[in-house]
Amino acid sequence: MSMKRKRRFGDRADGRRIRTLDPMNRISPYIMKHRQDASNLIKDSIDLEKVDAYILRKRKEGLTGFGILHVLLGAYVRTVSQRPYINRFISGQKIYARNEISIMMAVKKKMAVDGQETCVKLICDPTDTPEIIYHKFNKILEENKTEVENDGFDRLARLVNLLPGFVLRWFVGIIRLMDYGGFAPKKILELSPFHGSMFITSMGSLGIPPIYHHLYDFGNVPVFLAYGKKRREFEMNEEGKIVERKYVDFTVTTDERICDGFTYATTLKMLHNYCNNPDLLDTPPETVVEDID
């Protein structure tokens, strides 16, 4: 990760500019100007045999409510620690290495149609285990579970909502322009759910399969992951017998401009392996890989 590096000219509050990219990667943000132009979609599945046993063990250890979300978050954080390239982002047609791992999720303060929705931002260290992530995430949820706008994002959204439409359009335009040039205020970047490493959403809690969610052109989030409800399949095992297996499907939308296809492929294989073998995540990584200069 790059958080200990000295800030240089051209760096941003939320990331350092990568200066040693090959010509193809450097020019791609000028050819594909918008994230929607550069979005790739992929679908994968997690075999729940080991995952369910892992979740049950964690709950017996006292982690009430521990579930597939924490496994996915743990697998993603561990993958970034070894493949930091997927934690890059594009702003102003330049590619940056993000200073931290920041994960956004929209949550309802109560599970009802009229329940107020807010966005939470989870900041993780590359050495975090699922248990550490579980405690960090629960702390954020506790701070945001009331119907009162008590967190920074809610207060900012409430204040901005008071602006007349033409002023709001001007305000967003100014923020977009400052963000493009790398001069957006650090406080706004910290509060914004549109600036971060990844957005994750659960369709499983709604009882539906995962959707392919679009990436936002506002901000700089390069990855959107959605996962769905559990499903069962009957398959033939190695002995030729029909067995029942459980899976969770997940979809990933990525900004293809931040790294090449081979890097994405090896990274997704690593994410898949961690998801299917969550016991690997209980031991922090021996080394954390840094992105290039």
Protein backbone atom coordinates (compact mmCIF):
# COMPACT_ATOMS: atom_id res chain seq x y z
CA MET A 1 0.00 0.00 0.00
CA SER A 2 1.09 3.60 -0.49
CA MET A 3 -0.09 5.29 2.69
CA LYS A 4 3.45 5.79 4.08
CA ARG A 5 4.88 7.39 0.95
CA LYS A 6 5.72 11.07 0.80
CA ARG A 7 3.18 13.03 -1.20
CA ARG A 8 4.51 14.33 -4.51
CA PHE A 9 3.30 16.89 -7.02
CA GLY A 10 0.38 15.39 -8.94
CA ASP A 11 -0.77 13.17 -6.06
CA ARG A 12 -4.21 13.52 -4.49
CA ALA A 13 -5.53 13.44 -0.96
CA ASP A 14 -6.86 9.92 -1.56
CA GLY A 15 -4.14 8.47 -3.77
CA ARG A 16 -0.75 8.82 -5.44
CA ARG A 17 -0.37 9.08 -9.16
CA ILE A 18 1.23 6.07 -10.86
CA ARG A 19 3.95 7.31 -13.19
CA THR A 20 5.48 4.11 -14.61
CA LEU A 21 2.48 2.66 -16.47
CA ASP A 22 2.92 1.24 -19.94
CA PRO A 23 1.63 3.43 -22.82
CA MET A 24 -1.53 1.37 -23.39
CA ASN A 25 -2.70 1.79 -19.80
CA ARG A 26 -1.83 5.47 -19.78
CA ILE A 27 -3.81 6.26 -22.91
CA SER A 28 -6.91 4.13 -22.18
CA PRO A 29 -8.61 6.72 -19.88
CA TYR A 30 -8.47 9.22 -22.75
CA ILE A 31 -10.04 6.75 -25.19
CA MET A 32 -12.65 5.46 -22.71
CA LYS A 33 -13.52 8.65 -20.86
CA HIS A 34 -16.33 7.28 -18.70
CA ARG A 35 -16.57 4.27 -16.38
CA GLN A 36 -19.64 3.06 -18.21
CA ASP A 37 -17.55 2.89 -21.38
CA ALA A 38 -14.98 0.73 -19.57
CA SER A 39 -17.19 -1.54 -17.46
CA ASN A 40 -16.60 -5.29 -17.52
CA LEU A 41 -19.07 -7.73 -15.95
CA ILE A 42 -18.36 -11.14 -14.49
CA LYS A 43 -20.34 -13.67 -12.45
CA ASP A 44 -18.94 -16.30 -10.09
CA SER A 45 -20.15 -18.63 -7.33
CA ILE A 46 -18.96 -19.57 -3.87
CA ASP A 47 -19.25 -23.20 -2.75
CA LEU A 48 -20.69 -22.94 0.76
CA GLU A 49 -19.47 -26.27 2.15
CA LYS A 50 -16.40 -24.78 3.83
CA VAL A 51 -17.91 -21.33 4.20
CA ASP A 52 -20.90 -22.51 6.23
CA ALA A 53 -18.61 -24.48 8.57
CA TYR A 54 -16.39 -21.41 8.94
CA ILE A 55 -19.36 -19.14 9.69
CA LEU A 56 -20.75 -21.60 12.24
CA ARG A 57 -17.37 -21.76 13.99
CA LYS A 58 -17.14 -17.98 14.17
CA ARG A 59 -20.64 -17.70 15.62
CA LYS A 60 -19.76 -20.29 18.26
CA GLU A 61 -16.74 -18.14 19.12
CA GLY A 62 -19.13 -15.31 19.96
CA LEU A 63 -19.32 -13.39 16.67
CA THR A 64 -23.10 -13.06 16.59
CA GLY A 65 -24.40 -12.33 13.11
CA PHE A 66 -21.16 -13.28 11.40
CA GLY A 67 -21.99 -14.25 7.83
CA ILE A 68 -21.15 -14.39 4.15
CA LEU A 69 -20.70 -10.60 4.03
CA HIS A 70 -17.73 -10.78 6.40
CA VAL A 71 -16.20 -13.62 4.40
CA LEU A 72 -16.49 -11.62 1.18
CA LEU A 73 -15.04 -8.51 2.78
CA GLY A 74 -12.20 -10.49 4.31
CA ALA A 75 -11.44 -12.16 0.98
CA TYR A 76 -11.47 -8.82 -0.84
CA VAL A 77 -9.16 -7.11 1.69
CA ARG A 78 -6.74 -10.04 1.59
CA THR A 79 -6.76 -10.00 -2.21
CA VAL A 80 -5.97 -6.28 -2.27
CA SER A 81 -3.06 -6.90 0.12
CA GLN A 82 -1.52 -9.19 -2.52
CA ARG A 83 -2.92 -7.60 -5.70
CA PRO A 84 -3.04 -3.84 -4.97
CA TYR A 85 -3.67 -3.10 -8.65
CA ILE A 86 -7.45 -3.48 -8.19
CA ASN A 87 -7.31 -0.70 -5.59
CA ARG A 88 -6.35 1.84 -8.21
CA PHE A 89 -8.73 4.47 -9.49
CA ILE A 90 -9.02 6.98 -12.31
CA SER A 91 -9.58 10.68 -11.92
CA GLY A 92 -8.88 13.40 -14.45
CA GLN A 93 -7.81 10.72 -16.98
CA LYS A 94 -4.94 9.78 -14.64
CA ILE A 95 -4.46 6.48 -12.81
CA TYR A 96 -3.82 6.55 -9.05
CA ALA A 97 -2.96 4.02 -6.36
CA ARG A 98 -5.39 4.51 -3.48
CA ASN A 99 -3.96 5.31 -0.07
CA GLU A 100 -6.31 3.00 1.84
CA ILE A 101 -8.83 0.20 1.44
CA SER A 102 -12.28 1.78 1.74
CA ILE A 103 -15.45 -0.24 1.25
CA MET A 104 -18.90 1.31 0.88
CA MET A 105 -22.27 -0.27 1.55
CA ALA A 106 -25.80 1.13 1.52
CA VAL A 107 -27.77 0.08 4.61
CA LYS A 108 -31.30 0.69 5.85
CA LYS A 109 -31.65 1.97 9.40
CA LYS A 110 -34.71 -0.26 9.66
CA MET A 111 -35.86 -3.04 7.32
CA ALA A 112 -38.98 -1.41 5.97
CA VAL A 113 -40.04 0.12 2.65
CA ASP A 114 -40.01 3.59 4.24
CA GLY A 115 -36.87 2.93 6.28
CA GLN A 116 -34.21 5.61 5.93
CA GLU A 117 -31.17 4.54 3.90
CA THR A 118 -27.61 5.66 4.46
CA CYS A 119 -24.17 4.75 3.18
CA VAL A 120 -21.40 3.53 5.45
CA LYS A 121 -17.71 3.52 4.61
CA LEU A 122 -15.49 0.85 6.14
CA ILE A 123 -11.75 1.57 6.28
CA CYS A 124 -9.62 -1.59 6.40
CA ASP A 125 -5.95 -2.34 6.82
CA PRO A 126 -4.46 -4.84 4.35
CA THR A 127 -3.67 -7.17 7.27
CA ASP A 128 -7.25 -7.25 8.62
CA THR A 129 -8.80 -10.66 9.19
CA PRO A 130 -12.57 -11.34 8.87
CA GLU A 131 -12.89 -11.10 12.66
CA ILE A 132 -11.31 -7.64 12.73
CA ILE A 133 -13.51 -6.56 9.83
CA TYR A 134 -16.56 -7.93 11.65
CA HIS A 135 -15.87 -5.73 14.70
CA LYS A 136 -15.12 -2.65 12.57
CA PHE A 137 -18.29 -3.12 10.54
CA ASN A 138 -20.50 -3.67 13.59
CA LYS A 139 -19.14 -0.51 15.19
CA ILE A 140 -20.07 1.51 12.12
CA LEU A 141 -23.55 -0.03 11.99
CA GLU A 142 -24.13 0.80 15.67
CA GLU A 143 -23.19 4.41 15.00
CA ASN A 144 -25.61 4.61 12.06
CA LYS A 145 -28.60 2.52 13.15
CA THR A 146 -30.78 5.39 14.44
CA GLU A 147 -33.16 7.33 12.23
CA VAL A 148 -31.36 10.56 13.10
CA GLU A 149 -28.78 11.94 10.65
CA ASN A 150 -25.93 11.36 13.07
CA ASP A 151 -23.11 10.48 10.71
CA GLY A 152 -21.07 12.72 8.44
CA PHE A 153 -22.60 11.51 5.18
CA ASP A 154 -26.18 11.97 6.43
CA ARG A 155 -25.44 15.49 7.65
CA LEU A 156 -23.76 16.42 4.36
CA ALA A 157 -26.63 14.96 2.32
CA ARG A 158 -29.19 16.80 4.46
CA LEU A 159 -27.39 20.14 4.05
CA VAL A 160 -26.94 19.71 0.30
CA ASN A 161 -30.61 18.74 -0.03
CA LEU A 162 -31.58 22.19 1.28
CA LEU A 163 -30.05 23.84 -1.79
CA PRO A 164 -32.34 24.92 -4.66
CA GLY A 165 -32.03 22.73 -7.75
CA PHE A 166 -29.99 25.19 -9.83
CA VAL A 167 -27.59 25.81 -6.92
CA LEU A 168 -27.27 22.07 -6.26
CA ARG A 169 -26.39 21.50 -9.91
CA TRP A 170 -23.73 24.23 -9.68
CA PHE A 171 -22.39 22.80 -6.39
CA VAL A 172 -22.07 19.27 -7.80
CA GLY A 173 -20.42 20.67 -10.91
CA ILE A 174 -17.82 22.51 -8.84
CA ILE A 175 -17.07 19.38 -6.79
CA ARG A 176 -16.78 17.34 -10.00
CA LEU A 177 -14.37 19.90 -11.48
CA MET A 178 -12.24 19.99 -8.32
CA ASP A 179 -12.23 16.20 -8.21
CA TYR A 180 -11.10 16.04 -11.83
CA GLY A 181 -8.15 18.29 -11.06
CA GLY A 182 -7.29 16.48 -7.83
CA PHE A 183 -8.23 19.39 -5.56
CA ALA A 184 -11.43 18.10 -3.95
CA PRO A 185 -11.37 18.72 -0.18
CA LYS A 186 -10.15 15.72 1.81
CA LYS A 187 -13.17 15.89 4.13
CA ILE A 188 -15.60 15.53 1.23
CA LEU A 189 -13.58 12.60 -0.17
CA GLU A 190 -13.73 10.91 3.24
CA LEU A 191 -17.51 11.34 3.52
CA SER A 192 -18.41 10.63 -0.09
CA PRO A 193 -19.73 7.11 -0.84
CA PHE A 194 -18.67 7.68 -4.45
CA HIS A 195 -14.97 7.76 -3.57
CA GLY A 196 -13.52 4.46 -2.40
CA SER A 197 -12.12 1.06 -3.28
CA MET A 198 -15.29 -0.96 -3.71
CA PHE A 199 -19.06 -0.79 -3.28
CA ILE A 200 -20.72 -3.99 -2.05
CA THR A 201 -24.42 -4.79 -1.89
CA SER A 202 -26.39 -7.79 -0.64
CA MET A 203 -29.30 -9.08 -2.69
CA GLY A 204 -29.46 -12.13 -0.46
CA SER A 205 -31.12 -10.15 2.33
CA LEU A 206 -33.85 -9.28 -0.20
CA GLY A 207 -34.19 -12.89 -1.33
CA ILE A 208 -33.16 -12.27 -4.94
CA PRO A 209 -30.18 -13.14 -7.16
CA PRO A 210 -27.34 -10.62 -7.55
CA ILE A 211 -27.67 -7.84 -10.10
CA TYR A 212 -24.95 -6.39 -12.31
CA HIS A 213 -24.66 -2.95 -10.79
CA HIS A 214 -23.35 -0.02 -12.80
CA LEU A 215 -20.29 2.00 -11.81
CA TYR A 216 -20.76 5.68 -10.98
CA ASP A 217 -19.17 8.27 -13.25
CA PHE A 218 -19.20 10.69 -10.33
CA GLY A 219 -16.37 9.86 -7.91
CA ASN A 220 -13.80 7.13 -8.50
CA VAL A 221 -15.10 3.72 -7.29
CA PRO A 222 -13.69 1.11 -9.75
CA VAL A 223 -15.38 -2.07 -8.43
CA PHE A 224 -18.99 -2.93 -7.56
CA LEU A 225 -19.74 -6.35 -6.06
CA ALA A 226 -23.23 -7.77 -5.50
CA TYR A 227 -24.09 -11.13 -4.00
CA GLY A 228 -27.39 -12.96 -3.85
CA LYS A 229 -29.36 -15.51 -1.89
CA LYS A 230 -28.19 -19.05 -1.26
CA ARG A 231 -29.19 -21.63 -3.85
CA ARG A 232 -29.01 -25.43 -4.02
CA GLU A 233 -27.91 -27.67 -6.86
CA PHE A 234 -27.80 -31.41 -7.35
CA GLU A 235 -24.48 -32.51 -8.84
CA MET A 236 -22.58 -35.70 -9.51
CA ASN A 237 -19.55 -36.19 -7.28
CA GLU A 238 -16.29 -37.99 -8.11
CA GLU A 239 -17.84 -41.30 -7.09
CA GLY A 240 -20.70 -40.90 -9.53
CA LYS A 241 -23.31 -40.18 -6.82
CA ILE A 242 -25.82 -37.35 -6.91
CA VAL A 243 -25.17 -34.91 -4.05
CA GLU A 244 -26.74 -31.64 -3.01
CA ARG A 245 -24.50 -28.57 -2.85
CA LYS A 246 -25.14 -24.99 -1.76
CA TYR A 247 -23.81 -21.91 -3.52
CA VAL A 248 -23.93 -18.12 -3.36
CA ASP A 249 -23.61 -16.28 -6.66
CA PHE A 250 -21.88 -12.93 -6.86
CA THR A 251 -21.37 -10.45 -9.69
CA VAL A 252 -18.55 -7.97 -10.13
CA THR A 253 -18.51 -4.84 -12.28
CA THR A 254 -15.02 -3.45 -12.85
CA ASP A 255 -13.36 -0.48 -14.47
CA GLU A 256 -11.08 -2.20 -16.98
CA ARG A 257 -8.79 0.84 -17.33
CA ILE A 258 -7.08 0.51 -13.94
CA CYS A 259 -5.15 -2.66 -14.87
CA ASP A 260 -4.81 -5.19 -17.70
CA GLY A 261 -6.98 -8.25 -18.28
CA PHE A 262 -4.37 -10.76 -17.13
CA THR A 263 -4.02 -8.94 -13.80
CA TYR A 264 -7.79 -8.89 -13.34
CA ALA A 265 -8.02 -12.61 -14.16
CA THR A 266 -5.37 -13.66 -11.64
CA THR A 267 -6.88 -11.33 -9.05
CA LEU A 268 -10.37 -12.77 -9.43
CA LYS A 269 -8.97 -16.29 -9.17
CA MET A 270 -7.31 -15.29 -5.90
CA LEU A 271 -10.55 -13.75 -4.59
CA HIS A 272 -12.43 -16.92 -5.56
CA ASN A 273 -9.89 -19.11 -3.74
CA TYR A 274 -10.11 -17.07 -0.53
CA CYS A 275 -13.92 -17.13 -0.66
CA ASN A 276 -13.96 -20.91 -1.02
CA ASN A 277 -11.24 -21.44 1.62
CA PRO A 278 -12.00 -18.84 4.32
CA ASP A 279 -9.76 -20.50 6.94
CA LEU A 280 -6.83 -19.00 5.02
CA LEU A 281 -8.04 -15.55 6.03
CA ASP A 282 -7.57 -16.07 9.78
CA THR A 283 -3.81 -15.66 9.46
CA PRO A 284 -2.66 -12.14 8.45
CA PRO A 285 -0.48 -12.04 5.33
CA GLU A 286 3.28 -12.31 5.88
CA THR A 287 3.91 -9.51 3.40
CA VAL A 288 1.80 -6.76 1.88
CA VAL A 289 2.50 -6.04 -1.78
CA GLU A 290 2.84 -2.40 -2.83
CA ASP A 291 1.70 -1.02 -6.16
CA ILE A 292 4.24 0.23 -8.69
CA ASP A 293 5.54 3.81 -8.77
